Amino acid sequence: MLFTSLRPLSILTVSVTLLAAGCAWLPPAADAPVAKRVAAL
């Protein structure tokens, strides 16, 4: 029962983690500060 109640939270945590990791690969916005755009390269 405890495992079942925690499962949705675990899935949500994994999803948020994957989403954050995916965003890290996106280039900065076109109007981002130059320093941020350089760091991404």
ModelCIF file with pLDDT and N, C-alpha, C, O atoms, coordinates in Angstrom:
data_MODEL
#
_entry.id   MODEL 
#
_entity.id                         1 
_entity.type                       polymer 
_entity.pdbx_number_of_molecules   1 
#
_entity_poly.entity_id                      1 
_entity_poly.type                           'polypeptide(L)' 
_entity_poly.nstd_linkage                   no 
_entity_poly.nstd_monomer                   no 
_entity_poly.pdbx_seq_one_letter_code       MLFTSLRPLSILTVSVTLLAAGCAWLPPAADAPVAKRVAAL 
_entity_poly.pdbx_seq_one_letter_code_can   MLFTSLRPLSILTVSVTLLAAGCAWLPPAADAPVAKRVAAL 
_entity_poly.pdbx_strand_id                 A 
#
loop_
_entity_poly_seq.entity_id 
_entity_poly_seq.num 
_entity_poly_seq.mon_id 
_entity_poly_seq.hetero 
1 1  MET n 
1 2  LEU n 
1 3  PHE n 
1 4  THR n 
1 5  SER n 
1 6  LEU n 
1 7  ARG n 
1 8  PRO n 
1 9  LEU n 
1 10 SER n 
1 11 ILE n 
1 12 LEU n 
1 13 THR n 
1 14 VAL n 
1 15 SER n 
1 16 VAL n 
1 17 THR n 
1 18 LEU n 
1 19 LEU n 
1 20 ALA n 
1 21 ALA n 
1 22 GLY n 
1 23 CYS n 
1 24 ALA n 
1 25 TRP n 
1 26 LEU n 
1 27 PRO n 
1 28 PRO n 
1 29 ALA n 
1 30 ALA n 
1 31 ASP n 
1 32 ALA n 
1 33 PRO n 
1 34 VAL n 
1 35 ALA n 
1 36 LYS n 
1 37 ARG n 
1 38 VAL n 
1 39 ALA n 
1 40 ALA n 
1 41 LEU n 
#
_struct_asym.id          A 
_struct_asym.entity_id   1 
#
loop_
_ma_qa_metric.id 
_ma_qa_metric.mode 
_ma_qa_metric.name 
_ma_qa_metric.software_group_id 
_ma_qa_metric.type 
1 global pLDDT . pLDDT 
2 local  pLDDT . pLDDT 
#
_ma_qa_metric_global.metric_id      1 
_ma_qa_metric_global.metric_value   62.02 
_ma_qa_metric_global.model_id       1 
_ma_qa_metric_global.ordinal_id     1 
#
loop_
_ma_qa_metric_local.label_asym_id 
_ma_qa_metric_local.label_comp_id 
_ma_qa_metric_local.label_seq_id 
_ma_qa_metric_local.metric_id 
_ma_qa_metric_local.metric_value 
_ma_qa_metric_local.model_id 
_ma_qa_metric_local.ordinal_id 
A MET 1  2 42.00 1 1  
A LEU 2  2 40.00 1 2  
A PHE 3  2 38.00 1 3  
A THR 4  2 40.00 1 4  
A SER 5  2 40.00 1 5  
A LEU 6  2 37.00 1 6  
A ARG 7  2 42.00 1 7  
A PRO 8  2 43.00 1 8  
A LEU 9  2 42.00 1 9  
A SER 10 2 47.00 1 10 
A ILE 11 2 41.00 1 11 
A LEU 12 2 46.00 1 12 
A THR 13 2 47.00 1 13 
A VAL 14 2 41.00 1 14 
A SER 15 2 46.00 1 15 
A VAL 16 2 45.00 1 16 
A THR 17 2 47.00 1 17 
A LEU 18 2 41.00 1 18 
A LEU 19 2 47.00 1 19 
A ALA 20 2 48.00 1 20 
A ALA 21 2 46.00 1 21 
A GLY 22 2 48.00 1 22 
A CYS 23 2 48.00 1 23 
A ALA 24 2 48.00 1 24 
A TRP 25 2 55.00 1 25 
A LEU 26 2 70.00 1 26 
A PRO 27 2 74.00 1 27 
A PRO 28 2 87.00 1 28 
A ALA 29 2 81.00 1 29 
A ALA 30 2 75.00 1 30 
A ASP 31 2 82.00 1 31 
A ALA 32 2 94.00 1 32 
A PRO 33 2 96.00 1 33 
A VAL 34 2 97.00 1 34 
A ALA 35 2 98.00 1 35 
A LYS 36 2 97.00 1 36 
A ARG 37 2 97.00 1 37 
A VAL 38 2 98.00 1 38 
A ALA 39 2 98.00 1 39 
A ALA 40 2 97.00 1 40 
A LEU 41 2 97.00 1 41 
#
loop_
_atom_site.group_PDB 
_atom_site.id 
_atom_site.type_symbol 
_atom_site.label_atom_id 
_atom_site.label_alt_id 
_atom_site.label_comp_id 
_atom_site.label_asym_id 
_atom_site.label_entity_id 
_atom_site.label_seq_id 
_atom_site.pdbx_PDB_ins_code 
_atom_site.Cartn_x 
_atom_site.Cartn_y 
_atom_site.Cartn_z 
_atom_site.occupancy 
_atom_site.B_iso_or_equiv 
_atom_site.pdbx_formal_charge 
_atom_site.auth_seq_id 
_atom_site.auth_comp_id 
_atom_site.auth_asym_id 
_atom_site.auth_atom_id 
_atom_site.pdbx_PDB_model_num 
ATOM 1   N N  . MET A 1 1  ? 0.836  -1.206 0.000   1.00 42.00 ? 1  MET A N  1 
ATOM 2   C CA . MET A 1 1  ? 0.000  0.000  0.000   1.00 42.00 ? 1  MET A CA 1 
ATOM 3   C C  . MET A 1 1  ? 0.863  1.246  0.000   1.00 42.00 ? 1  MET A C  1 
ATOM 4   O O  . MET A 1 1  ? 0.599  2.194  -0.739  1.00 42.00 ? 1  MET A O  1 
ATOM 5   N N  . LEU A 1 2  ? 1.903  1.241  0.837   1.00 40.00 ? 2  LEU A N  1 
ATOM 6   C CA . LEU A 1 2  ? 2.819  2.373  0.895   1.00 40.00 ? 2  LEU A CA 1 
ATOM 7   C C  . LEU A 1 2  ? 3.497  2.576  -0.445  1.00 40.00 ? 2  LEU A C  1 
ATOM 8   O O  . LEU A 1 2  ? 3.638  3.711  -0.900  1.00 40.00 ? 2  LEU A O  1 
ATOM 9   N N  . PHE A 1 3  ? 3.927  1.471  -1.098  1.00 38.00 ? 3  PHE A N  1 
ATOM 10  C CA . PHE A 1 3  ? 4.598  1.534  -2.391  1.00 38.00 ? 3  PHE A CA 1 
ATOM 11  C C  . PHE A 1 3  ? 3.666  2.163  -3.425  1.00 38.00 ? 3  PHE A C  1 
ATOM 12  O O  . PHE A 1 3  ? 4.086  2.994  -4.230  1.00 38.00 ? 3  PHE A O  1 
ATOM 13  N N  . THR A 1 4  ? 2.401  1.757  -3.393  1.00 40.00 ? 4  THR A N  1 
ATOM 14  C CA . THR A 1 4  ? 1.435  2.284  -4.344  1.00 40.00 ? 4  THR A CA 1 
ATOM 15  C C  . THR A 1 4  ? 1.240  3.779  -4.163  1.00 40.00 ? 4  THR A C  1 
ATOM 16  O O  . THR A 1 4  ? 1.131  4.510  -5.148  1.00 40.00 ? 4  THR A O  1 
ATOM 17  N N  . SER A 1 5  ? 1.195  4.246  -2.924  1.00 40.00 ? 5  SER A N  1 
ATOM 18  C CA . SER A 1 5  ? 0.950  5.666  -2.672  1.00 40.00 ? 5  SER A CA 1 
ATOM 19  C C  . SER A 1 5  ? 2.140  6.528  -3.085  1.00 40.00 ? 5  SER A C  1 
ATOM 20  O O  . SER A 1 5  ? 1.959  7.701  -3.410  1.00 40.00 ? 5  SER A O  1 
ATOM 21  N N  . LEU A 1 6  ? 3.357  5.970  -3.080  1.00 37.00 ? 6  LEU A N  1 
ATOM 22  C CA . LEU A 1 6  ? 4.541  6.733  -3.429  1.00 37.00 ? 6  LEU A CA 1 
ATOM 23  C C  . LEU A 1 6  ? 4.832  6.723  -4.927  1.00 37.00 ? 6  LEU A C  1 
ATOM 24  O O  . LEU A 1 6  ? 5.584  7.567  -5.414  1.00 37.00 ? 6  LEU A O  1 
ATOM 25  N N  . ARG A 1 7  ? 4.253  5.789  -5.653  1.00 42.00 ? 7  ARG A N  1 
ATOM 26  C CA . ARG A 1 7  ? 4.597  5.598  -7.052  1.00 42.00 ? 7  ARG A CA 1 
ATOM 27  C C  . ARG A 1 7  ? 4.330  6.835  -7.922  1.00 42.00 ? 7  ARG A C  1 
ATOM 28  O O  . ARG A 1 7  ? 5.192  7.204  -8.720  1.00 42.00 ? 7  ARG A O  1 
ATOM 29  N N  . PRO A 1 8  ? 3.160  7.492  -7.794  1.00 43.00 ? 8  PRO A N  1 
ATOM 30  C CA . PRO A 1 8  ? 2.926  8.684  -8.608  1.00 43.00 ? 8  PRO A CA 1 
ATOM 31  C C  . PRO A 1 8  ? 3.951  9.774  -8.353  1.00 43.00 ? 8  PRO A C  1 
ATOM 32  O O  . PRO A 1 8  ? 4.372  10.463 -9.282  1.00 43.00 ? 8  PRO A O  1 
ATOM 33  N N  . LEU A 1 9  ? 4.361  9.938  -7.078  1.00 42.00 ? 9  LEU A N  1 
ATOM 34  C CA . LEU A 1 9  ? 5.351  10.947 -6.743  1.00 42.00 ? 9  LEU A CA 1 
ATOM 35  C C  . LEU A 1 9  ? 6.685  10.624 -7.384  1.00 42.00 ? 9  LEU A C  1 
ATOM 36  O O  . LEU A 1 9  ? 7.371  11.521 -7.873  1.00 42.00 ? 9  LEU A O  1 
ATOM 37  N N  . SER A 1 10 ? 7.069  9.336  -7.388  1.00 47.00 ? 10 SER A N  1 
ATOM 38  C CA . SER A 1 10 ? 8.334  8.936  -7.988  1.00 47.00 ? 10 SER A CA 1 
ATOM 39  C C  . SER A 1 10 ? 8.331  9.205  -9.482  1.00 47.00 ? 10 SER A C  1 
ATOM 40  O O  . SER A 1 10 ? 9.323  9.685  -10.031 1.00 47.00 ? 10 SER A O  1 
ATOM 41  N N  . ILE A 1 11 ? 7.215  8.897  -10.148 1.00 41.00 ? 11 ILE A N  1 
ATOM 42  C CA . ILE A 1 11 ? 7.116  9.145  -11.589 1.00 41.00 ? 11 ILE A CA 1 
ATOM 43  C C  . ILE A 1 11 ? 7.236  10.634 -11.877 1.00 41.00 ? 11 ILE A C  1 
ATOM 44  O O  . ILE A 1 11 ? 7.911  11.048 -12.819 1.00 41.00 ? 11 ILE A O  1 
ATOM 45  N N  . LEU A 1 12 ? 6.554  11.445 -11.031 1.00 46.00 ? 12 LEU A N  1 
ATOM 46  C CA . LEU A 1 12 ? 6.617  12.884 -11.210 1.00 46.00 ? 12 LEU A CA 1 
ATOM 47  C C  . LEU A 1 12 ? 8.041  13.391 -11.040 1.00 46.00 ? 12 LEU A C  1 
ATOM 48  O O  . LEU A 1 12 ? 8.501  14.239 -11.805 1.00 46.00 ? 12 LEU A O  1 
ATOM 49  N N  . THR A 1 13 ? 8.743  12.865 -10.026 1.00 47.00 ? 13 THR A N  1 
ATOM 50  C CA . THR A 1 13 ? 10.120 13.290 -9.783  1.00 47.00 ? 13 THR A CA 1 
ATOM 51  C C  . THR A 1 13 ? 11.008 12.967 -10.966 1.00 47.00 ? 13 THR A C  1 
ATOM 52  O O  . THR A 1 13 ? 11.806 13.796 -11.404 1.00 47.00 ? 13 THR A O  1 
ATOM 53  N N  . VAL A 1 14 ? 10.862 11.731 -11.488 1.00 41.00 ? 14 VAL A N  1 
ATOM 54  C CA . VAL A 1 14 ? 11.661 11.327 -12.644 1.00 41.00 ? 14 VAL A CA 1 
ATOM 55  C C  . VAL A 1 14 ? 11.338 12.203 -13.846 1.00 41.00 ? 14 VAL A C  1 
ATOM 56  O O  . VAL A 1 14 ? 12.241 12.605 -14.580 1.00 41.00 ? 14 VAL A O  1 
ATOM 57  N N  . SER A 1 15 ? 10.065 12.502 -14.052 1.00 46.00 ? 15 SER A N  1 
ATOM 58  C CA . SER A 1 15 ? 9.661  13.313 -15.196 1.00 46.00 ? 15 SER A CA 1 
ATOM 59  C C  . SER A 1 15 ? 10.258 14.707 -15.117 1.00 46.00 ? 15 SER A C  1 
ATOM 60  O O  . SER A 1 15 ? 10.757 15.235 -16.111 1.00 46.00 ? 15 SER A O  1 
ATOM 61  N N  . VAL A 1 16 ? 10.205 15.306 -13.919 1.00 45.00 ? 16 VAL A N  1 
ATOM 62  C CA . VAL A 1 16 ? 10.771 16.641 -13.743 1.00 45.00 ? 16 VAL A CA 1 
ATOM 63  C C  . VAL A 1 16 ? 12.277 16.624 -13.985 1.00 45.00 ? 16 VAL A C  1 
ATOM 64  O O  . VAL A 1 16 ? 12.827 17.532 -14.609 1.00 45.00 ? 16 VAL A O  1 
ATOM 65  N N  . THR A 1 17 ? 12.938 15.581 -13.482 1.00 47.00 ? 17 THR A N  1 
ATOM 66  C CA . THR A 1 17 ? 14.388 15.463 -13.670 1.00 47.00 ? 17 THR A CA 1 
ATOM 67  C C  . THR A 1 17 ? 14.751 15.354 -15.140 1.00 47.00 ? 17 THR A C  1 
ATOM 68  O O  . THR A 1 17 ? 15.687 16.004 -15.605 1.00 47.00 ? 17 THR A O  1 
ATOM 69  N N  . LEU A 1 18 ? 14.002 14.525 -15.876 1.00 41.00 ? 18 LEU A N  1 
ATOM 70  C CA . LEU A 1 18 ? 14.273 14.358 -17.306 1.00 41.00 ? 18 LEU A CA 1 
ATOM 71  C C  . LEU A 1 18 ? 13.995 15.641 -18.061 1.00 41.00 ? 18 LEU A C  1 
ATOM 72  O O  . LEU A 1 18 ? 14.728 15.997 -18.984 1.00 41.00 ? 18 LEU A O  1 
ATOM 73  N N  . LEU A 1 19 ? 12.931 16.342 -17.668 1.00 47.00 ? 19 LEU A N  1 
ATOM 74  C CA . LEU A 1 19 ? 12.606 17.586 -18.331 1.00 47.00 ? 19 LEU A CA 1 
ATOM 75  C C  . LEU A 1 19 ? 13.704 18.616 -18.113 1.00 47.00 ? 19 LEU A C  1 
ATOM 76  O O  . LEU A 1 19 ? 14.088 19.338 -19.034 1.00 47.00 ? 19 LEU A O  1 
ATOM 77  N N  . ALA A 1 20 ? 14.201 18.675 -16.892 1.00 48.00 ? 20 ALA A N  1 
ATOM 78  C CA . ALA A 1 20 ? 15.277 19.622 -16.591 1.00 48.00 ? 20 ALA A CA 1 
ATOM 79  C C  . ALA A 1 20 ? 16.529 19.284 -17.377 1.00 48.00 ? 20 ALA A C  1 
ATOM 80  O O  . ALA A 1 20 ? 17.216 20.173 -17.879 1.00 48.00 ? 20 ALA A O  1 
ATOM 81  N N  . ALA A 1 21 ? 16.824 17.991 -17.482 1.00 46.00 ? 21 ALA A N  1 
ATOM 82  C CA . ALA A 1 21 ? 18.000 17.573 -18.249 1.00 46.00 ? 21 ALA A CA 1 
ATOM 83  C C  . ALA A 1 21 ? 17.838 17.919 -19.712 1.00 46.00 ? 21 ALA A C  1 
ATOM 84  O O  . ALA A 1 21 ? 18.792 18.340 -20.366 1.00 46.00 ? 21 ALA A O  1 
ATOM 85  N N  . GLY A 1 22 ? 16.628 17.744 -20.231 1.00 48.00 ? 22 GLY A N  1 
ATOM 86  C CA . GLY A 1 22 ? 16.377 18.081 -21.630 1.00 48.00 ? 22 GLY A CA 1 
ATOM 87  C C  . GLY A 1 22 ? 16.544 19.564 -21.880 1.00 48.00 ? 22 GLY A C  1 
ATOM 88  O O  . GLY A 1 22 ? 17.113 19.954 -22.900 1.00 48.00 ? 22 GLY A O  1 
ATOM 89  N N  . CYS A 1 23 ? 16.063 20.399 -20.975 1.00 48.00 ? 23 CYS A N  1 
ATOM 90  C CA . CYS A 1 23 ? 16.178 21.848 -21.131 1.00 48.00 ? 23 CYS A CA 1 
ATOM 91  C C  . CYS A 1 23 ? 17.630 22.300 -21.133 1.00 48.00 ? 23 CYS A C  1 
ATOM 92  O O  . CYS A 1 23 ? 17.978 23.294 -21.768 1.00 48.00 ? 23 CYS A O  1 
ATOM 93  N N  . ALA A 1 24 ? 18.477 21.561 -20.415 1.00 48.00 ? 24 ALA A N  1 
ATOM 94  C CA . ALA A 1 24 ? 19.886 21.931 -20.353 1.00 48.00 ? 24 ALA A CA 1 
ATOM 95  C C  . ALA A 1 24 ? 20.557 21.841 -21.713 1.00 48.00 ? 24 ALA A C  1 
ATOM 96  O O  . ALA A 1 24 ? 21.583 22.482 -21.942 1.00 48.00 ? 24 ALA A O  1 
ATOM 97  N N  . TRP A 1 25 ? 19.981 21.043 -22.626 1.00 55.00 ? 25 TRP A N  1 
ATOM 98  C CA . TRP A 1 25 ? 20.564 20.881 -23.949 1.00 55.00 ? 25 TRP A CA 1 
ATOM 99  C C  . TRP A 1 25 ? 20.062 21.933 -24.920 1.00 55.00 ? 25 TRP A C  1 
ATOM 100 O O  . TRP A 1 25 ? 20.616 22.078 -26.010 1.00 55.00 ? 25 TRP A O  1 
ATOM 101 N N  . LEU A 1 26 ? 19.021 22.673 -24.547 1.00 70.00 ? 26 LEU A N  1 
ATOM 102 C CA . LEU A 1 26 ? 18.492 23.685 -25.443 1.00 70.00 ? 26 LEU A CA 1 
ATOM 103 C C  . LEU A 1 26 ? 19.395 24.913 -25.437 1.00 70.00 ? 26 LEU A C  1 
ATOM 104 O O  . LEU A 1 26 ? 19.862 25.319 -24.373 1.00 70.00 ? 26 LEU A O  1 
ATOM 105 N N  . PRO A 1 27 ? 19.657 25.523 -26.614 1.00 74.00 ? 27 PRO A N  1 
ATOM 106 C CA . PRO A 1 27 ? 20.481 26.727 -26.629 1.00 74.00 ? 27 PRO A CA 1 
ATOM 107 C C  . PRO A 1 27 ? 19.753 27.883 -25.963 1.00 74.00 ? 27 PRO A C  1 
ATOM 108 O O  . PRO A 1 27 ? 18.522 27.900 -25.948 1.00 74.00 ? 27 PRO A O  1 
ATOM 109 N N  . PRO A 1 28 ? 20.478 28.845 -25.413 1.00 87.00 ? 28 PRO A N  1 
ATOM 110 C CA . PRO A 1 28 ? 19.826 29.995 -24.793 1.00 87.00 ? 28 PRO A CA 1 
ATOM 111 C C  . PRO A 1 28 ? 18.996 30.759 -25.812 1.00 87.00 ? 28 PRO A C  1 
ATOM 112 O O  . PRO A 1 28 ? 19.213 30.643 -27.018 1.00 87.00 ? 28 PRO A O  1 
ATOM 113 N N  . ALA A 1 29 ? 18.056 31.531 -25.324 1.00 81.00 ? 29 ALA A N  1 
ATOM 114 C CA . ALA A 1 29 ? 17.213 32.336 -26.200 1.00 81.00 ? 29 ALA A CA 1 
ATOM 115 C C  . ALA A 1 29 ? 18.059 33.322 -26.989 1.00 81.00 ? 29 ALA A C  1 
ATOM 116 O O  . ALA A 1 29 ? 19.165 33.678 -26.583 1.00 81.00 ? 29 ALA A O  1 
ATOM 117 N N  . ALA A 1 30 ? 17.519 33.757 -28.123 1.00 75.00 ? 30 ALA A N  1 
ATOM 118 C CA . ALA A 1 30 ? 18.266 34.643 -29.014 1.00 75.00 ? 30 ALA A CA 1 
ATOM 119 C C  . ALA A 1 30 ? 18.628 35.963 -28.352 1.00 75.00 ? 30 ALA A C  1 
ATOM 120 O O  . ALA A 1 30 ? 19.617 36.602 -28.712 1.00 75.00 ? 30 ALA A O  1 
ATOM 121 N N  . ASP A 1 31 ? 17.809 36.367 -27.372 1.00 82.00 ? 31 ASP A N  1 
ATOM 122 C CA . ASP A 1 31 ? 18.077 37.632 -26.694 1.00 82.00 ? 31 ASP A CA 1 
ATOM 123 C C  . ASP A 1 31 ? 18.762 37.434 -25.339 1.00 82.00 ? 31 ASP A C  1 
ATOM 124 O O  . ASP A 1 31 ? 18.826 38.363 -24.533 1.00 82.00 ? 31 ASP A O  1 
ATOM 125 N N  . ALA A 1 32 ? 19.265 36.240 -25.092 1.00 94.00 ? 32 ALA A N  1 
ATOM 126 C CA . ALA A 1 32 ? 19.973 35.970 -23.831 1.00 94.00 ? 32 ALA A CA 1 
ATOM 127 C C  . ALA A 1 32 ? 21.263 36.770 -23.791 1.00 94.00 ? 32 ALA A C  1 
ATOM 128 O O  . ALA A 1 32 ? 21.806 37.108 -24.842 1.00 94.00 ? 32 ALA A O  1 
ATOM 129 N N  . PRO A 1 33 ? 21.768 37.083 -22.600 1.00 96.00 ? 33 PRO A N  1 
ATOM 130 C CA . PRO A 1 33 ? 23.054 37.783 -22.510 1.00 96.00 ? 33 PRO A CA 1 
ATOM 131 C C  . PRO A 1 33 ? 24.141 37.030 -23.258 1.00 96.00 ? 33 PRO A C  1 
ATOM 132 O O  . PRO A 1 33 ? 24.132 35.801 -23.313 1.00 96.00 ? 33 PRO A O  1 
ATOM 133 N N  . VAL A 1 34 ? 25.073 37.773 -23.832 1.00 97.00 ? 34 VAL A N  1 
ATOM 134 C CA . VAL A 1 34 ? 26.142 37.149 -24.611 1.00 97.00 ? 34 VAL A CA 1 
ATOM 135 C C  . VAL A 1 34 ? 26.917 36.137 -23.770 1.00 97.00 ? 34 VAL A C  1 
ATOM 136 O O  . VAL A 1 34 ? 27.278 35.069 -24.263 1.00 97.00 ? 34 VAL A O  1 
ATOM 137 N N  . ALA A 1 35 ? 27.173 36.464 -22.512 1.00 98.00 ? 35 ALA A N  1 
ATOM 138 C CA . ALA A 1 35 ? 27.930 35.555 -21.648 1.00 98.00 ? 35 ALA A CA 1 
ATOM 139 C C  . ALA A 1 35 ? 27.235 34.202 -21.528 1.00 98.00 ? 35 ALA A C  1 
ATOM 140 O O  . ALA A 1 35 ? 27.894 33.162 -21.511 1.00 98.00 ? 35 ALA A O  1 
ATOM 141 N N  . LYS A 1 36 ? 25.920 34.215 -21.446 1.00 97.00 ? 36 LYS A N  1 
ATOM 142 C CA . LYS A 1 36 ? 25.165 32.960 -21.340 1.00 97.00 ? 36 LYS A CA 1 
ATOM 143 C C  . LYS A 1 36 ? 25.241 32.186 -22.645 1.00 97.00 ? 36 LYS A C  1 
ATOM 144 O O  . LYS A 1 36 ? 25.369 30.961 -22.633 1.00 97.00 ? 36 LYS A O  1 
ATOM 145 N N  . ARG A 1 37 ? 25.165 32.888 -23.773 1.00 97.00 ? 37 ARG A N  1 
ATOM 146 C CA . ARG A 1 37 ? 25.245 32.217 -25.067 1.00 97.00 ? 37 ARG A CA 1 
ATOM 147 C C  . ARG A 1 37 ? 26.635 31.629 -25.294 1.00 97.00 ? 37 ARG A C  1 
ATOM 148 O O  . ARG A 1 37 ? 26.776 30.543 -25.857 1.00 97.00 ? 37 ARG A O  1 
ATOM 149 N N  . VAL A 1 38 ? 27.645 32.348 -24.857 1.00 98.00 ? 38 VAL A N  1 
ATOM 150 C CA . VAL A 1 38 ? 29.017 31.841 -24.994 1.00 98.00 ? 38 VAL A CA 1 
ATOM 151 C C  . VAL A 1 38 ? 29.203 30.603 -24.136 1.00 98.00 ? 38 VAL A C  1 
ATOM 152 O O  . VAL A 1 38 ? 29.783 29.617 -24.589 1.00 98.00 ? 38 VAL A O  1 
ATOM 153 N N  . ALA A 1 39 ? 28.719 30.641 -22.904 1.00 98.00 ? 39 ALA A N  1 
ATOM 154 C CA . ALA A 1 39 ? 28.868 29.501 -21.994 1.00 98.00 ? 39 ALA A CA 1 
ATOM 155 C C  . ALA A 1 39 ? 28.246 28.243 -22.577 1.00 98.00 ? 39 ALA A C  1 
ATOM 156 O O  . ALA A 1 39 ? 28.744 27.140 -22.354 1.00 98.00 ? 39 ALA A O  1 
ATOM 157 N N  . ALA A 1 40 ? 27.152 28.406 -23.329 1.00 97.00 ? 40 ALA A N  1 
ATOM 158 C CA . ALA A 1 40 ? 26.474 27.248 -23.913 1.00 97.00 ? 40 ALA A CA 1 
ATOM 159 C C  . ALA A 1 40 ? 27.279 26.612 -25.041 1.00 97.00 ? 40 ALA A C  1 
ATOM 160 O O  . ALA A 1 40 ? 27.000 25.479 -25.435 1.00 97.00 ? 40 ALA A O  1 
ATOM 161 N N  . LEU A 1 41 ? 28.271 27.323 -25.564 1.00 97.00 ? 41 LEU A N  1 
ATOM 162 C CA . LEU A 1 41 ? 29.090 26.806 -26.666 1.00 97.00 ? 41 LEU A CA 1 
ATOM 163 C C  . LEU A 1 41 ? 30.335 26.072 -26.175 1.00 97.00 ? 41 LEU A C  1 
ATOM 164 O O  . LEU A 1 41 ? 31.122 25.581 -26.985 1.00 97.00 ? 41 LEU A O  1 
#
